[in-house]
Amino acid sequence: MAEEHPLKPFYSVLVLAFFCSLLVSGAAVGLRPFQEANKQLDQRKNILRAAGIYSAEIPVDKQFEKVETRIVDLVSGEFVSEQVLAPGEYNQRKAAFTEEYGRQLSPGTDKAGLSRIEKYSLVYLIKDGQNIQQVVLPVRGKGLWSTMFAYVALDADLNTIQGISFYEHGETPGLGGEIENPKWQASWSGKKVYDKSDTVRFSVLKGESTATGEEAAFEVDGLSGATMTSMGVNDLMHFWFGEHGFKPFIDRIQAQGGFNG
C-alpha cells in the first residue's frame, strides 16, 4: 500500500472548513431578509407599545396603518420632504456616523453620551383619520453598560407622556434591565416633560418620588439598585427633549398651533 501523504489530513480539514463556511455564509445571506423583516416588526411593536395601542390579537401591519412615518430636521425642526429623504430608505442609526447625515457633539452638549448624532430623525405620527393623536419619538443614551434605545410617545400637546418602550440595551438583568419592566414603564404615563417656563423638568430620580401635586407630574421613581442606569435614562430624556434633540421640532409645531391647529 502506498504511504499516505502526511499533509492529507490537513487538506481534508481545510476542504471541510471551506465548504462549512460556504454553507454558513449562504445561510446568513439567505436569512438576512427574514431577519430584517423581524427587526422591522419588532420596532413597529415597540412604537405601538409606547403609544399604548398595541394588541397581540391584531396583525402588527394592520395596526401600523394608523401610523405616519416622517423625517424631521433636528436643527430647524421642519419636516423633510420624502422627495429629499424617504423614511423607508433612511437608516437613522447609521446616519449619525456619516459625514453627510451626522454631526459631532461637543462634550458640553453631549448629555446622553453619544459623541455623534444624526441631523435628521424619524418620527411616528399616530393618527385618527386626519387628526394626529400622538407623536412617537426615538431616543437613546448611555446607561451603565450599554446604549439604551427607546421610543417615547407624547400626546398631541407635545408635553404629556403617553408611554415609553425600551427595546434594546445591555443593562444588568434584574437591576438596570428593569427599564423593560411594564410596571415601571406604565408609571411614565401622564407625566410632563416641560414646565411652564418651557424647560425640561422631567426627572428619573435616584429613589422613590415623594412629590405631591403638580410637582409629582415631573418625576418617575428610579430603579432600585440601578442608580447609573436611572441617571442614564434621565440624561437621555433631557438631551432628546432639549435644543439638540426634538425641542426645535416641538417648538415649531406649537408655534403653528399644534398638529391639528
C-alpha atoms as a PDB file:
ATOM      1  CA  MET A   1       0.000   0.000   0.000  1.00  0.00           C
ATOM      2  CA  ALA A   2       1.175   3.477  -0.823  1.00  0.00           C
ATOM      3  CA  GLU A   3       2.114   5.509   2.229  1.00  0.00           C
ATOM      4  CA  GLU A   4      -0.411   8.285   2.984  1.00  0.00           C
ATOM      5  CA  HIS A   5       0.903  11.802   2.481  1.00  0.00           C
ATOM      6  CA  PRO A   6       1.436  13.460   5.905  1.00  0.00           C
ATOM      7  CA  LEU A   7      -0.431  16.629   4.804  1.00  0.00           C
ATOM      8  CA  LYS A   8      -3.553  14.795   3.646  1.00  0.00           C
ATOM      9  CA  PRO A   9      -5.434  15.212   6.996  1.00  0.00           C
ATOM     10  CA  PHE A  10      -4.641  18.936   6.904  1.00  0.00           C
ATOM     11  CA  TYR A  11      -6.010  19.275   3.361  1.00  0.00           C
ATOM     12  CA  SER A  12      -9.129  17.326   4.325  1.00  0.00           C
ATOM     13  CA  VAL A  13      -9.822  19.612   7.267  1.00  0.00           C
ATOM     14  CA  LEU A  14      -9.174  22.668   5.097  1.00  0.00           C
ATOM     15  CA  VAL A  15     -11.629  21.500   2.422  1.00  0.00           C
ATOM     16  CA  LEU A  16     -14.248  20.658   5.062  1.00  0.00           C
ATOM     17  CA  ALA A  17     -13.837  24.079   6.703  1.00  0.00           C
ATOM     18  CA  PHE A  18     -14.177  25.771   3.304  1.00  0.00           C
ATOM     19  CA  PHE A  19     -17.449  24.030   2.495  1.00  0.00           C
ATOM     20  CA  CYS A  20     -18.792  24.665   6.014  1.00  0.00           C
ATOM     21  CA  SER A  21     -18.000  28.369   5.677  1.00  0.00           C
ATOM     22  CA  LEU A  22     -19.844  28.419   2.349  1.00  0.00           C
ATOM     23  CA  LEU A  23     -22.898  26.859   3.986  1.00  0.00           C
ATOM     24  CA  VAL A  24     -22.836  29.327   6.894  1.00  0.00           C
ATOM     25  CA  SER A  25     -22.346  32.309   4.578  1.00  0.00           C
ATOM     26  CA  GLY A  26     -25.148  31.130   2.307  1.00  0.00           C
ATOM     27  CA  ALA A  27     -27.481  30.678   5.263  1.00  0.00           C
ATOM     28  CA  ALA A  28     -26.618  34.143   6.592  1.00  0.00           C
ATOM     29  CA  VAL A  29     -27.301  35.780   3.226  1.00  0.00           C
ATOM     30  CA  GLY A  30     -30.472  33.780   2.702  1.00  0.00           C
ATOM     31  CA  LEU A  31     -31.844  34.569   6.147  1.00  0.00           C
ATOM     32  CA  ARG A  32     -30.989  38.280   6.063  1.00  0.00           C
ATOM     33  CA  PRO A  33     -34.324  39.373   4.511  1.00  0.00           C
ATOM     34  CA  PHE A  34     -36.196  37.453   7.220  1.00  0.00           C
ATOM     35  CA  GLN A  35     -34.006  38.970   9.934  1.00  0.00           C
ATOM     36  CA  GLU A  36     -34.623  42.477   8.607  1.00  0.00           C
ATOM     37  CA  ALA A  37     -38.369  41.806   8.399  1.00  0.00           C
ATOM     38  CA  ASN A  38     -38.427  40.556  12.002  1.00  0.00           C
ATOM     39  CA  LYS A  39     -36.412  43.579  13.126  1.00  0.00           C
ATOM     40  CA  GLN A  40     -38.881  45.954  11.486  1.00  0.00           C
ATOM     41  CA  LEU A  41     -41.794  44.027  13.010  1.00  0.00           C
ATOM     42  CA  ASP A  42     -40.249  44.329  16.480  1.00  0.00           C
ATOM     43  CA  GLN A  43     -39.643  48.065  16.013  1.00  0.00           C
ATOM     44  CA  ARG A  44     -43.248  48.589  14.985  1.00  0.00           C
ATOM     45  CA  LYS A  45     -44.476  46.644  18.013  1.00  0.00           C
ATOM     46  CA  ASN A  46     -42.459  48.876  20.313  1.00  0.00           C
ATOM     47  CA  ILE A  47     -43.722  52.049  18.646  1.00  0.00           C
ATOM     48  CA  LEU A  48     -47.275  50.831  19.167  1.00  0.00           C
ATOM     49  CA  ARG A  49     -46.489  49.785  22.760  1.00  0.00           C
ATOM     50  CA  ALA A  50     -45.096  53.235  23.559  1.00  0.00           C
ATOM     51  CA  ALA A  51     -48.313  54.760  22.235  1.00  0.00           C
ATOM     52  CA  GLY A  52     -50.356  52.300  24.311  1.00  0.00           C
ATOM     53  CA  ILE A  53     -52.248  50.922  21.306  1.00  0.00           C
ATOM     54  CA  TYR A  54     -50.554  47.567  20.672  1.00  0.00           C
ATOM     55  CA  SER A  55     -52.770  44.495  20.599  1.00  0.00           C
ATOM     56  CA  ALA A  56     -51.458  40.936  20.272  1.00  0.00           C
ATOM     57  CA  GLU A  57     -54.777  39.958  18.669  1.00  0.00           C
ATOM     58  CA  ILE A  58     -54.380  42.188  15.599  1.00  0.00           C
ATOM     59  CA  PRO A  59     -51.621  41.891  12.948  1.00  0.00           C
ATOM     60  CA  VAL A  60     -48.927  44.500  13.542  1.00  0.00           C
ATOM     61  CA  ASP A  61     -49.035  45.741   9.935  1.00  0.00           C
ATOM     62  CA  LYS A  62     -52.778  46.329  10.283  1.00  0.00           C
ATOM     63  CA  GLN A  63     -52.300  48.318  13.499  1.00  0.00           C
ATOM     64  CA  PHE A  64     -49.473  50.300  11.921  1.00  0.00           C
ATOM     65  CA  GLU A  65     -51.780  51.635   9.219  1.00  0.00           C
ATOM     66  CA  LYS A  66     -52.703  54.487  11.567  1.00  0.00           C
ATOM     67  CA  VAL A  67     -49.019  55.474  11.900  1.00  0.00           C
ATOM     68  CA  GLU A  68     -47.490  58.004   9.510  1.00  0.00           C
ATOM     69  CA  THR A  69     -43.699  57.927   9.398  1.00  0.00           C
ATOM     70  CA  ARG A  70     -41.977  61.247   8.701  1.00  0.00           C
ATOM     71  CA  ILE A  71     -38.453  62.651   8.875  1.00  0.00           C
ATOM     72  CA  VAL A  72     -37.601  65.788  10.843  1.00  0.00           C
ATOM     73  CA  ASP A  73     -34.594  68.097  10.568  1.00  0.00           C
ATOM     74  CA  LEU A  74     -33.370  68.244  14.170  1.00  0.00           C
ATOM     75  CA  VAL A  75     -31.789  71.684  13.752  1.00  0.00           C
ATOM     76  CA  SER A  76     -34.660  73.534  12.074  1.00  0.00           C
ATOM     77  CA  GLY A  77     -37.486  71.370  13.419  1.00  0.00           C
ATOM     78  CA  GLU A  78     -39.032  71.162   9.946  1.00  0.00           C
ATOM     79  CA  PHE A  79     -40.430  68.081   8.270  1.00  0.00           C
ATOM     80  CA  VAL A  80     -38.246  66.838   5.429  1.00  0.00           C
ATOM     81  CA  SER A  81     -39.896  66.086   2.104  1.00  0.00           C
ATOM     82  CA  GLU A  82     -39.983  62.431   1.067  1.00  0.00           C
ATOM     83  CA  GLN A  83     -38.518  63.526  -2.265  1.00  0.00           C
ATOM     84  CA  VAL A  84     -35.444  64.731  -0.385  1.00  0.00           C
ATOM     85  CA  LEU A  85     -35.154  61.855   2.087  1.00  0.00           C
ATOM     86  CA  ALA A  86     -37.524  58.868   2.099  1.00  0.00           C
ATOM     87  CA  PRO A  87     -38.318  57.375   5.539  1.00  0.00           C
ATOM     88  CA  GLY A  88     -38.230  53.833   4.178  1.00  0.00           C
ATOM     89  CA  GLU A  89     -34.693  54.278   2.895  1.00  0.00           C
ATOM     90  CA  TYR A  90     -33.227  56.169   5.861  1.00  0.00           C
ATOM     91  CA  ASN A  91     -31.103  54.246   8.363  1.00  0.00           C
ATOM     92  CA  GLN A  92     -31.094  56.562  11.354  1.00  0.00           C
ATOM     93  CA  ARG A  93     -28.697  54.533  13.461  1.00  0.00           C
ATOM     94  CA  LYS A  94     -26.006  54.528  10.762  1.00  0.00           C
ATOM     95  CA  ALA A  95     -26.656  58.140   9.759  1.00  0.00           C
ATOM     96  CA  ALA A  96     -25.033  59.553  12.900  1.00  0.00           C
ATOM     97  CA  PHE A  97     -21.659  58.132  11.847  1.00  0.00           C
ATOM     98  CA  THR A  98     -21.639  59.579   8.330  1.00  0.00           C
ATOM     99  CA  GLU A  99     -20.366  62.971   7.246  1.00  0.00           C
ATOM    100  CA  GLU A 100     -23.488  63.712   5.198  1.00  0.00           C
ATOM    101  CA  TYR A 101     -26.129  62.895   7.789  1.00  0.00           C
ATOM    102  CA  GLY A 102     -24.292  63.018  11.129  1.00  0.00           C
ATOM    103  CA  ARG A 103     -22.599  65.591  13.321  1.00  0.00           C
ATOM    104  CA  GLN A 104     -20.196  65.644  16.255  1.00  0.00           C
ATOM    105  CA  LEU A 105     -21.387  66.711  19.703  1.00  0.00           C
ATOM    106  CA  SER A 106     -19.204  68.808  21.948  1.00  0.00           C
ATOM    107  CA  PRO A 107     -18.578  67.415  25.460  1.00  0.00           C
ATOM    108  CA  GLY A 108     -20.642  70.206  26.987  1.00  0.00           C
ATOM    109  CA  THR A 109     -23.764  69.328  24.995  1.00  0.00           C
ATOM    110  CA  ASP A 110     -23.455  65.540  24.962  1.00  0.00           C
ATOM    111  CA  LYS A 111     -25.660  64.775  27.971  1.00  0.00           C
ATOM    112  CA  ALA A 112     -26.657  61.379  26.605  1.00  0.00           C
ATOM    113  CA  GLY A 113     -23.066  60.213  25.998  1.00  0.00           C
ATOM    114  CA  LEU A 114     -23.485  59.654  22.258  1.00  0.00           C
ATOM    115  CA  SER A 115     -20.474  61.540  20.801  1.00  0.00           C
ATOM    116  CA  ARG A 116     -22.311  61.920  17.478  1.00  0.00           C
ATOM    117  CA  ILE A 117     -25.948  62.267  16.478  1.00  0.00           C
ATOM    118  CA  GLU A 118     -27.864  62.308  13.220  1.00  0.00           C
ATOM    119  CA  LYS A 119     -29.022  65.525  11.561  1.00  0.00           C
ATOM    120  CA  TYR A 120     -32.409  64.026  10.748  1.00  0.00           C
ATOM    121  CA  SER A 121     -34.709  61.824  12.808  1.00  0.00           C
ATOM    122  CA  LEU A 122     -37.643  59.585  12.085  1.00  0.00           C
ATOM    123  CA  VAL A 123     -40.854  60.493  13.919  1.00  0.00           C
ATOM    124  CA  TYR A 124     -44.070  58.488  14.044  1.00  0.00           C
ATOM    125  CA  LEU A 125     -47.444  60.239  13.967  1.00  0.00           C
ATOM    126  CA  ILE A 126     -50.346  58.256  15.444  1.00  0.00           C
ATOM    127  CA  LYS A 127     -53.450  59.343  13.543  1.00  0.00           C
ATOM    128  CA  ASP A 128     -57.194  59.046  13.876  1.00  0.00           C
ATOM    129  CA  GLY A 129     -58.363  59.929  10.409  1.00  0.00           C
ATOM    130  CA  GLN A 130     -56.695  63.260   9.635  1.00  0.00           C
ATOM    131  CA  ASN A 131     -56.127  64.167  13.294  1.00  0.00           C
ATOM    132  CA  ILE A 132     -52.820  63.421  14.982  1.00  0.00           C
ATOM    133  CA  GLN A 133     -53.323  61.979  18.466  1.00  0.00           C
ATOM    134  CA  GLN A 134     -49.743  61.245  19.451  1.00  0.00           C
ATOM    135  CA  VAL A 135     -46.172  61.501  18.212  1.00  0.00           C
ATOM    136  CA  VAL A 136     -43.653  58.768  18.974  1.00  0.00           C
ATOM    137  CA  LEU A 137     -40.006  59.827  19.105  1.00  0.00           C
ATOM    138  CA  PRO A 138     -36.904  57.592  19.038  1.00  0.00           C
ATOM    139  CA  VAL A 139     -34.414  58.304  21.832  1.00  0.00           C
ATOM    140  CA  ARG A 140     -31.216  56.713  23.089  1.00  0.00           C
ATOM    141  CA  GLY A 141     -28.413  57.272  25.567  1.00  0.00           C
ATOM    142  CA  LYS A 142     -25.691  55.633  27.616  1.00  0.00           C
ATOM    143  CA  GLY A 143     -26.575  53.584  30.675  1.00  0.00           C
ATOM    144  CA  LEU A 144     -24.159  51.745  32.943  1.00  0.00           C
ATOM    145  CA  TRP A 145     -23.041  49.142  30.397  1.00  0.00           C
ATOM    146  CA  SER A 146     -24.706  49.968  27.116  1.00  0.00           C
ATOM    147  CA  THR A 147     -26.539  52.361  24.854  1.00  0.00           C
ATOM    148  CA  MET A 148     -30.247  52.172  25.680  1.00  0.00           C
ATOM    149  CA  PHE A 149     -32.740  52.569  22.825  1.00  0.00           C
ATOM    150  CA  ALA A 150     -36.375  53.534  23.377  1.00  0.00           C
ATOM    151  CA  TYR A 151     -39.468  55.151  21.908  1.00  0.00           C
ATOM    152  CA  VAL A 152     -41.258  57.913  23.823  1.00  0.00           C
ATOM    153  CA  ALA A 153     -44.870  58.730  22.942  1.00  0.00           C
ATOM    154  CA  LEU A 154     -46.227  62.227  23.573  1.00  0.00           C
ATOM    155  CA  ASP A 155     -49.859  63.273  23.399  1.00  0.00           C
ATOM    156  CA  ALA A 156     -50.835  65.863  20.804  1.00  0.00           C
ATOM    157  CA  ASP A 157     -49.990  68.617  23.326  1.00  0.00           C
ATOM    158  CA  LEU A 158     -46.324  67.593  22.846  1.00  0.00           C
ATOM    159  CA  ASN A 159     -45.732  67.658  26.590  1.00  0.00           C
ATOM    160  CA  THR A 160     -47.693  64.831  28.212  1.00  0.00           C
ATOM    161  CA  ILE A 161     -46.000  61.436  28.068  1.00  0.00           C
ATOM    162  CA  GLN A 162     -48.322  58.691  26.878  1.00  0.00           C
ATOM    163  CA  GLY A 163     -45.776  55.917  27.302  1.00  0.00           C
ATOM    164  CA  ILE A 164     -42.260  54.619  26.750  1.00  0.00           C
ATOM    165  CA  SER A 165     -40.857  51.382  25.375  1.00  0.00           C
ATOM    166  CA  PHE A 166     -37.205  50.386  25.785  1.00  0.00           C
ATOM    167  CA  TYR A 167     -36.410  47.824  23.110  1.00  0.00           C
ATOM    168  CA  GLU A 168     -32.627  47.391  23.107  1.00  0.00           C
ATOM    169  CA  HIS A 169     -29.971  47.627  25.818  1.00  0.00           C
ATOM    170  CA  GLY A 170     -27.287  45.663  27.653  1.00  0.00           C
ATOM    171  CA  GLU A 171     -28.026  46.690  31.225  1.00  0.00           C
ATOM    172  CA  THR A 172     -27.801  44.255  34.160  1.00  0.00           C
ATOM    173  CA  PRO A 173     -30.754  41.830  34.321  1.00  0.00           C
ATOM    174  CA  GLY A 174     -32.866  42.404  37.422  1.00  0.00           C
ATOM    175  CA  LEU A 175     -31.314  45.831  38.035  1.00  0.00           C
ATOM    176  CA  GLY A 176     -30.812  48.262  35.134  1.00  0.00           C
ATOM    177  CA  GLY A 177     -32.567  45.733  32.924  1.00  0.00           C
ATOM    178  CA  GLU A 178     -35.783  46.687  34.708  1.00  0.00           C
ATOM    179  CA  ILE A 179     -36.153  49.544  32.240  1.00  0.00           C
ATOM    180  CA  GLU A 180     -38.092  46.908  30.278  1.00  0.00           C
ATOM    181  CA  ASN A 181     -40.442  46.216  33.197  1.00  0.00           C
ATOM    182  CA  PRO A 182     -44.002  47.034  32.020  1.00  0.00           C
ATOM    183  CA  LYS A 183     -44.959  48.179  35.539  1.00  0.00           C
ATOM    184  CA  TRP A 184     -42.146  50.738  35.654  1.00  0.00           C
ATOM    185  CA  GLN A 185     -42.835  51.898  32.108  1.00  0.00           C
ATOM    186  CA  ALA A 186     -46.520  52.337  32.991  1.00  0.00           C
ATOM    187  CA  SER A 187     -45.510  54.824  35.702  1.00  0.00           C
ATOM    188  CA  TRP A 188     -44.442  57.236  32.946  1.00  0.00           C
ATOM    189  CA  SER A 189     -47.946  57.649  31.569  1.00  0.00           C
ATOM    190  CA  GLY A 190     -49.342  61.119  32.257  1.00  0.00           C
ATOM    191  CA  LYS A 191     -46.004  62.645  33.294  1.00  0.00           C
ATOM    192  CA  LYS A 192     -44.946  66.009  31.860  1.00  0.00           C
ATOM    193  CA  VAL A 193     -41.708  66.859  30.049  1.00  0.00           C
ATOM    194  CA  TYR A 194     -41.720  70.673  30.208  1.00  0.00           C
ATOM    195  CA  ASP A 195     -42.722  73.079  32.954  1.00  0.00           C
ATOM    196  CA  LYS A 196     -44.470  76.418  32.457  1.00  0.00           C
ATOM    197  CA  SER A 197     -41.165  78.100  31.526  1.00  0.00           C
ATOM    198  CA  ASP A 198     -40.742  75.576  28.691  1.00  0.00           C
ATOM    199  CA  THR A 199     -37.756  73.951  30.408  1.00  0.00           C
ATOM    200  CA  VAL A 200     -37.237  70.192  30.560  1.00  0.00           C
ATOM    201  CA  ARG A 201     -38.380  69.388  34.085  1.00  0.00           C
ATOM    202  CA  PHE A 202     -38.973  65.650  33.801  1.00  0.00           C
ATOM    203  CA  SER A 203     -36.688  63.590  36.041  1.00  0.00           C
ATOM    204  CA  VAL A 204     -35.952  59.957  36.776  1.00  0.00           C
ATOM    205  CA  LEU A 205     -34.991  60.007  40.433  1.00  0.00           C
ATOM    206  CA  LYS A 206     -32.344  58.020  42.303  1.00  0.00           C
ATOM    207  CA  GLY A 207     -35.032  56.675  44.630  1.00  0.00           C
ATOM    208  CA  GLU A 208     -38.776  56.982  45.099  1.00  0.00           C
ATOM    209  CA  SER A 209     -40.597  60.219  44.443  1.00  0.00           C
ATOM    210  CA  THR A 210     -42.176  61.950  47.432  1.00  0.00           C
ATOM    211  CA  ALA A 211     -43.528  64.869  45.420  1.00  0.00           C
ATOM    212  CA  THR A 212     -47.213  65.757  45.509  1.00  0.00           C
ATOM    213  CA  GLY A 213     -49.500  67.917  43.418  1.00  0.00           C
ATOM    214  CA  GLU A 214     -48.066  69.490  40.262  1.00  0.00           C
ATOM    215  CA  GLU A 215     -44.516  68.504  41.205  1.00  0.00           C
ATOM    216  CA  ALA A 216     -45.382  64.800  41.023  1.00  0.00           C
ATOM    217  CA  ALA A 217     -46.182  65.168  37.331  1.00  0.00           C
ATOM    218  CA  PHE A 218     -42.485  65.641  36.560  1.00  0.00           C
ATOM    219  CA  GLU A 219     -40.999  62.717  38.490  1.00  0.00           C
ATOM    220  CA  VAL A 220     -40.621  58.975  37.948  1.00  0.00           C
ATOM    221  CA  ASP A 221     -39.188  56.616  40.552  1.00  0.00           C
ATOM    222  CA  GLY A 222     -35.660  55.437  39.892  1.00  0.00           C
ATOM    223  CA  LEU A 223     -34.804  51.766  39.511  1.00  0.00           C
ATOM    224  CA  SER A 224     -33.816  50.076  42.766  1.00  0.00           C
ATOM    225  CA  GLY A 225     -30.118  49.166  42.767  1.00  0.00           C
ATOM    226  CA  ALA A 226     -29.561  50.731  39.357  1.00  0.00           C
ATOM    227  CA  THR A 227     -28.539  54.329  40.025  1.00  0.00           C
ATOM    228  CA  MET A 228     -26.310  54.686  36.945  1.00  0.00           C
ATOM    229  CA  THR A 229     -28.962  53.290  34.615  1.00  0.00           C
ATOM    230  CA  SER A 230     -31.596  55.598  36.130  1.00  0.00           C
ATOM    231  CA  MET A 231     -29.258  58.566  35.662  1.00  0.00           C
ATOM    232  CA  GLY A 232     -28.668  57.499  32.070  1.00  0.00           C
ATOM    233  CA  VAL A 233     -32.408  57.429  31.349  1.00  0.00           C
ATOM    234  CA  ASN A 234     -32.785  60.838  32.964  1.00  0.00           C
ATOM    235  CA  ASP A 235     -29.918  62.265  30.908  1.00  0.00           C
ATOM    236  CA  LEU A 236     -31.190  60.877  27.603  1.00  0.00           C
ATOM    237  CA  MET A 237     -34.597  62.442  28.242  1.00  0.00           C
ATOM    238  CA  HIS A 238     -33.022  65.825  28.967  1.00  0.00           C
ATOM    239  CA  PHE A 239     -30.873  65.576  25.851  1.00  0.00           C
ATOM    240  CA  TRP A 240     -33.520  64.458  23.348  1.00  0.00           C
ATOM    241  CA  PHE A 241     -36.118  66.944  24.571  1.00  0.00           C
ATOM    242  CA  GLY A 242     -33.567  69.748  24.657  1.00  0.00           C
ATOM    243  CA  GLU A 243     -32.274  72.064  21.936  1.00  0.00           C
ATOM    244  CA  HIS A 244     -30.041  69.432  20.324  1.00  0.00           C
ATOM    245  CA  GLY A 245     -32.868  66.907  20.148  1.00  0.00           C
ATOM    246  CA  PHE A 246     -36.575  67.376  19.418  1.00  0.00           C
ATOM    247  CA  LYS A 247     -37.096  70.797  21.042  1.00  0.00           C
ATOM    248  CA  PRO A 248     -36.867  72.744  17.728  1.00  0.00           C
ATOM    249  CA  PHE A 249     -39.434  70.363  16.208  1.00  0.00           C
ATOM    250  CA  ILE A 250     -41.778  70.659  19.198  1.00  0.00           C
ATOM    251  CA  ASP A 251     -41.412  74.458  19.292  1.00  0.00           C
ATOM    252  CA  ARG A 252     -42.196  74.732  15.573  1.00  0.00           C
ATOM    253  CA  ILE A 253     -45.339  72.591  15.817  1.00  0.00           C
ATOM    254  CA  GLN A 254     -46.591  74.505  18.865  1.00  0.00           C
ATOM    255  CA  ALA A 255     -45.917  77.840  17.148  1.00  0.00           C
ATOM    256  CA  GLN A 256     -48.162  76.659  14.327  1.00  0.00           C
ATOM    257  CA  GLY A 257     -50.970  75.991  16.786  1.00  0.00           C
ATOM    258  CA  GLY A 258     -50.267  72.289  17.296  1.00  0.00           C
ATOM    259  CA  PHE A 259     -50.631  69.331  14.965  1.00  0.00           C
ATOM    260  CA  ASN A 260     -54.351  69.846  14.425  1.00  0.00           C
ATOM    261  CA  GLY A 261     -54.379  73.631  14.684  1.00  0.00           C
END
